[in-house]
Amino acid sequence: MRPALSTGYGSAVDTTKHENVLLRREIGEVLRSVRQHQGRTLREVSSQARVSLGYLSEVERGQKEASSELLASICQALDAPLSTVLREVSERVAMAEGVVIPDTVPDELVRQQGVIVR
């Protein structure tokens, strides 16, 4: 049995209770959520991001890990700040791990960016 880890944020995480979180899956789900919220197709976003439709689809399904350059290109095509996307991914990972991270970015700033990913 592995011990609980102290994260420095919120409460300790009991690593025996939580399924491993795949970062690529969480990133893909957030990207898909943003795209669908905008009512855009994979074809539109892949063309604007200059990535193949099939590869973007695999990224959204968590089957491929996007490089930092590709992730930046996809976020730019979605007109979604990379920081906002990564923040949402971070919150999803924290929830899966059972960790509560204090909200440090005001909701007003998130609203001003015009990105809703929940």
C-alpha atoms as a PDB file:
ATOM      1  CA  MET A   1       0.000   0.000   0.000  1.00  0.00           C
ATOM      2  CA  ARG A   2       1.394   3.371  -1.010  1.00  0.00           C
ATOM      3  CA  PRO A   3       1.239   6.209   1.489  1.00  0.00           C
ATOM      4  CA  ALA A   4      -0.685   9.419   1.071  1.00  0.00           C
ATOM      5  CA  LEU A   5       1.291  12.230  -0.512  1.00  0.00           C
ATOM      6  CA  SER A   6       1.378  15.762   0.775  1.00  0.00           C
ATOM      7  CA  THR A   7       0.807  18.087  -2.156  1.00  0.00           C
ATOM      8  CA  GLY A   8       1.207  21.465  -0.533  1.00  0.00           C
ATOM      9  CA  TYR A   9      -2.244  22.391  -1.883  1.00  0.00           C
ATOM     10  CA  GLY A  10      -5.403  21.558  -0.014  1.00  0.00           C
ATOM     11  CA  SER A  11      -5.467  18.164   1.607  1.00  0.00           C
ATOM     12  CA  ALA A  12      -3.164  15.167   1.201  1.00  0.00           C
ATOM     13  CA  VAL A  13      -3.859  12.742  -1.627  1.00  0.00           C
ATOM     14  CA  ASP A  14      -4.297   9.046  -0.897  1.00  0.00           C
ATOM     15  CA  THR A  15      -2.703   7.588  -4.030  1.00  0.00           C
ATOM     16  CA  THR A  16      -4.266   4.172  -3.404  1.00  0.00           C
ATOM     17  CA  LYS A  17      -7.816   5.468  -3.937  1.00  0.00           C
ATOM     18  CA  HIS A  18      -7.438   7.355  -7.198  1.00  0.00           C
ATOM     19  CA  GLU A  19      -7.146   5.978 -10.686  1.00  0.00           C
ATOM     20  CA  ASN A  20      -4.189   7.365 -12.599  1.00  0.00           C
ATOM     21  CA  VAL A  21      -5.195  10.476 -14.459  1.00  0.00           C
ATOM     22  CA  LEU A  22      -4.000  10.689 -18.045  1.00  0.00           C
ATOM     23  CA  LEU A  23      -3.023  14.265 -18.787  1.00  0.00           C
ATOM     24  CA  ARG A  24      -3.496  13.758 -22.523  1.00  0.00           C
ATOM     25  CA  ARG A  25      -7.097  12.633 -21.942  1.00  0.00           C
ATOM     26  CA  GLU A  26      -7.897  15.648 -19.763  1.00  0.00           C
ATOM     27  CA  ILE A  27      -6.326  18.041 -22.292  1.00  0.00           C
ATOM     28  CA  GLY A  28      -8.297  16.426 -25.096  1.00  0.00           C
ATOM     29  CA  GLU A  29     -11.584  16.650 -23.220  1.00  0.00           C
ATOM     30  CA  VAL A  30     -11.050  20.340 -22.481  1.00  0.00           C
ATOM     31  CA  LEU A  31     -10.121  21.113 -26.089  1.00  0.00           C
ATOM     32  CA  ARG A  32     -13.181  19.235 -27.364  1.00  0.00           C
ATOM     33  CA  SER A  33     -15.400  21.052 -24.864  1.00  0.00           C
ATOM     34  CA  VAL A  34     -14.131  24.455 -26.027  1.00  0.00           C
ATOM     35  CA  ARG A  35     -14.556  23.527 -29.698  1.00  0.00           C
ATOM     36  CA  GLN A  36     -18.070  22.182 -29.227  1.00  0.00           C
ATOM     37  CA  HIS A  37     -19.079  25.173 -27.111  1.00  0.00           C
ATOM     38  CA  GLN A  38     -18.071  27.354 -30.059  1.00  0.00           C
ATOM     39  CA  GLY A  39     -20.125  25.185 -32.412  1.00  0.00           C
ATOM     40  CA  ARG A  40     -17.083  24.463 -34.566  1.00  0.00           C
ATOM     41  CA  THR A  41     -16.161  21.294 -36.397  1.00  0.00           C
ATOM     42  CA  LEU A  42     -12.953  19.305 -36.200  1.00  0.00           C
ATOM     43  CA  ARG A  43     -12.348  20.210 -39.839  1.00  0.00           C
ATOM     44  CA  GLU A  44     -12.544  23.967 -39.161  1.00  0.00           C
ATOM     45  CA  VAL A  45     -10.219  23.867 -36.177  1.00  0.00           C
ATOM     46  CA  SER A  46      -7.738  21.439 -37.724  1.00  0.00           C
ATOM     47  CA  SER A  47      -7.473  23.605 -40.838  1.00  0.00           C
ATOM     48  CA  GLN A  48      -6.898  26.771 -38.843  1.00  0.00           C
ATOM     49  CA  ALA A  49      -4.415  25.041 -36.496  1.00  0.00           C
ATOM     50  CA  ARG A  50      -2.609  23.469 -39.468  1.00  0.00           C
ATOM     51  CA  VAL A  51      -2.890  19.945 -38.105  1.00  0.00           C
ATOM     52  CA  SER A  52      -4.516  16.970 -39.761  1.00  0.00           C
ATOM     53  CA  LEU A  53      -8.138  16.328 -38.875  1.00  0.00           C
ATOM     54  CA  GLY A  54      -7.285  12.766 -37.815  1.00  0.00           C
ATOM     55  CA  TYR A  55      -4.511  13.899 -35.497  1.00  0.00           C
ATOM     56  CA  LEU A  56      -6.682  16.559 -33.865  1.00  0.00           C
ATOM     57  CA  SER A  57      -9.363  13.945 -33.362  1.00  0.00           C
ATOM     58  CA  GLU A  58      -6.834  11.646 -31.668  1.00  0.00           C
ATOM     59  CA  VAL A  59      -5.681  14.508 -29.429  1.00  0.00           C
ATOM     60  CA  GLU A  60      -9.279  15.254 -28.420  1.00  0.00           C
ATOM     61  CA  ARG A  61      -9.888  11.578 -27.626  1.00  0.00           C
ATOM     62  CA  GLY A  62      -6.732  11.426 -25.503  1.00  0.00           C
ATOM     63  CA  GLN A  63      -5.015   8.962 -27.824  1.00  0.00           C
ATOM     64  CA  LYS A  64      -2.152  11.287 -28.790  1.00  0.00           C
ATOM     65  CA  GLU A  65      -0.151  13.725 -26.710  1.00  0.00           C
ATOM     66  CA  ALA A  66       0.047  17.149 -28.267  1.00  0.00           C
ATOM     67  CA  SER A  67       3.428  18.864 -28.201  1.00  0.00           C
ATOM     68  CA  SER A  68       3.535  22.298 -26.601  1.00  0.00           C
ATOM     69  CA  GLU A  69       3.753  23.850 -30.070  1.00  0.00           C
ATOM     70  CA  LEU A  70       0.734  21.915 -31.331  1.00  0.00           C
ATOM     71  CA  LEU A  71      -1.253  22.701 -28.194  1.00  0.00           C
ATOM     72  CA  ALA A  72      -0.478  26.401 -28.638  1.00  0.00           C
ATOM     73  CA  SER A  73      -1.575  26.210 -32.281  1.00  0.00           C
ATOM     74  CA  ILE A  74      -4.849  24.481 -31.386  1.00  0.00           C
ATOM     75  CA  CYS A  75      -5.565  27.022 -28.638  1.00  0.00           C
ATOM     76  CA  GLN A  76      -4.848  29.858 -31.058  1.00  0.00           C
ATOM     77  CA  ALA A  77      -7.220  28.316 -33.614  1.00  0.00           C
ATOM     78  CA  LEU A  78      -9.868  28.087 -30.886  1.00  0.00           C
ATOM     79  CA  ASP A  79      -9.133  31.658 -29.748  1.00  0.00           C
ATOM     80  CA  ALA A  80      -8.759  30.190 -26.272  1.00  0.00           C
ATOM     81  CA  PRO A  81      -5.823  31.330 -24.137  1.00  0.00           C
ATOM     82  CA  LEU A  82      -3.463  28.447 -23.406  1.00  0.00           C
ATOM     83  CA  SER A  83      -3.414  29.516 -19.750  1.00  0.00           C
ATOM     84  CA  THR A  84      -7.194  29.155 -19.505  1.00  0.00           C
ATOM     85  CA  VAL A  85      -7.143  25.706 -21.090  1.00  0.00           C
ATOM     86  CA  LEU A  86      -4.325  24.549 -18.808  1.00  0.00           C
ATOM     87  CA  ARG A  87      -6.099  25.962 -15.776  1.00  0.00           C
ATOM     88  CA  GLU A  88      -9.198  23.921 -16.590  1.00  0.00           C
ATOM     89  CA  VAL A  89      -7.047  20.823 -17.109  1.00  0.00           C
ATOM     90  CA  SER A  90      -5.369  21.468 -13.757  1.00  0.00           C
ATOM     91  CA  GLU A  91      -8.735  21.755 -12.010  1.00  0.00           C
ATOM     92  CA  ARG A  92      -9.936  18.490 -13.578  1.00  0.00           C
ATOM     93  CA  VAL A  93      -6.780  16.660 -12.479  1.00  0.00           C
ATOM     94  CA  ALA A  94      -7.086  18.070  -8.970  1.00  0.00           C
ATOM     95  CA  MET A  95     -10.704  16.924  -8.754  1.00  0.00           C
ATOM     96  CA  ALA A  96      -9.767  13.436  -9.930  1.00  0.00           C
ATOM     97  CA  GLU A  97      -7.074  13.328  -7.263  1.00  0.00           C
ATOM     98  CA  GLY A  98      -9.396  14.661  -4.596  1.00  0.00           C
ATOM     99  CA  VAL A  99      -7.348  17.809  -4.051  1.00  0.00           C
ATOM    100  CA  VAL A 100      -8.951  21.195  -3.541  1.00  0.00           C
ATOM    101  CA  ILE A 101      -6.929  24.032  -5.043  1.00  0.00           C
ATOM    102  CA  PRO A 102      -7.918  27.540  -3.987  1.00  0.00           C
ATOM    103  CA  ASP A 103      -9.226  29.697  -6.808  1.00  0.00           C
ATOM    104  CA  THR A 104      -6.577  32.299  -7.530  1.00  0.00           C
ATOM    105  CA  VAL A 105      -7.888  33.679 -10.811  1.00  0.00           C
ATOM    106  CA  PRO A 106     -10.944  35.892 -10.440  1.00  0.00           C
ATOM    107  CA  ASP A 107     -14.032  34.639 -12.277  1.00  0.00           C
ATOM    108  CA  GLU A 108     -14.336  38.072 -13.883  1.00  0.00           C
ATOM    109  CA  LEU A 109     -10.991  37.617 -15.639  1.00  0.00           C
ATOM    110  CA  VAL A 110     -12.061  34.212 -16.949  1.00  0.00           C
ATOM    111  CA  ARG A 111     -15.359  35.734 -18.191  1.00  0.00           C
ATOM    112  CA  GLN A 112     -13.457  38.573 -19.898  1.00  0.00           C
ATOM    113  CA  GLN A 113     -11.494  35.991 -21.884  1.00  0.00           C
ATOM    114  CA  GLY A 114     -14.790  34.617 -23.194  1.00  0.00           C
ATOM    115  CA  VAL A 115     -13.889  30.952 -22.709  1.00  0.00           C
ATOM    116  CA  ILE A 116     -16.331  28.641 -21.002  1.00  0.00           C
ATOM    117  CA  VAL A 117     -15.047  25.089 -20.693  1.00  0.00           C
ATOM    118  CA  ARG A 118     -17.231  23.607 -17.994  1.00  0.00           C
END
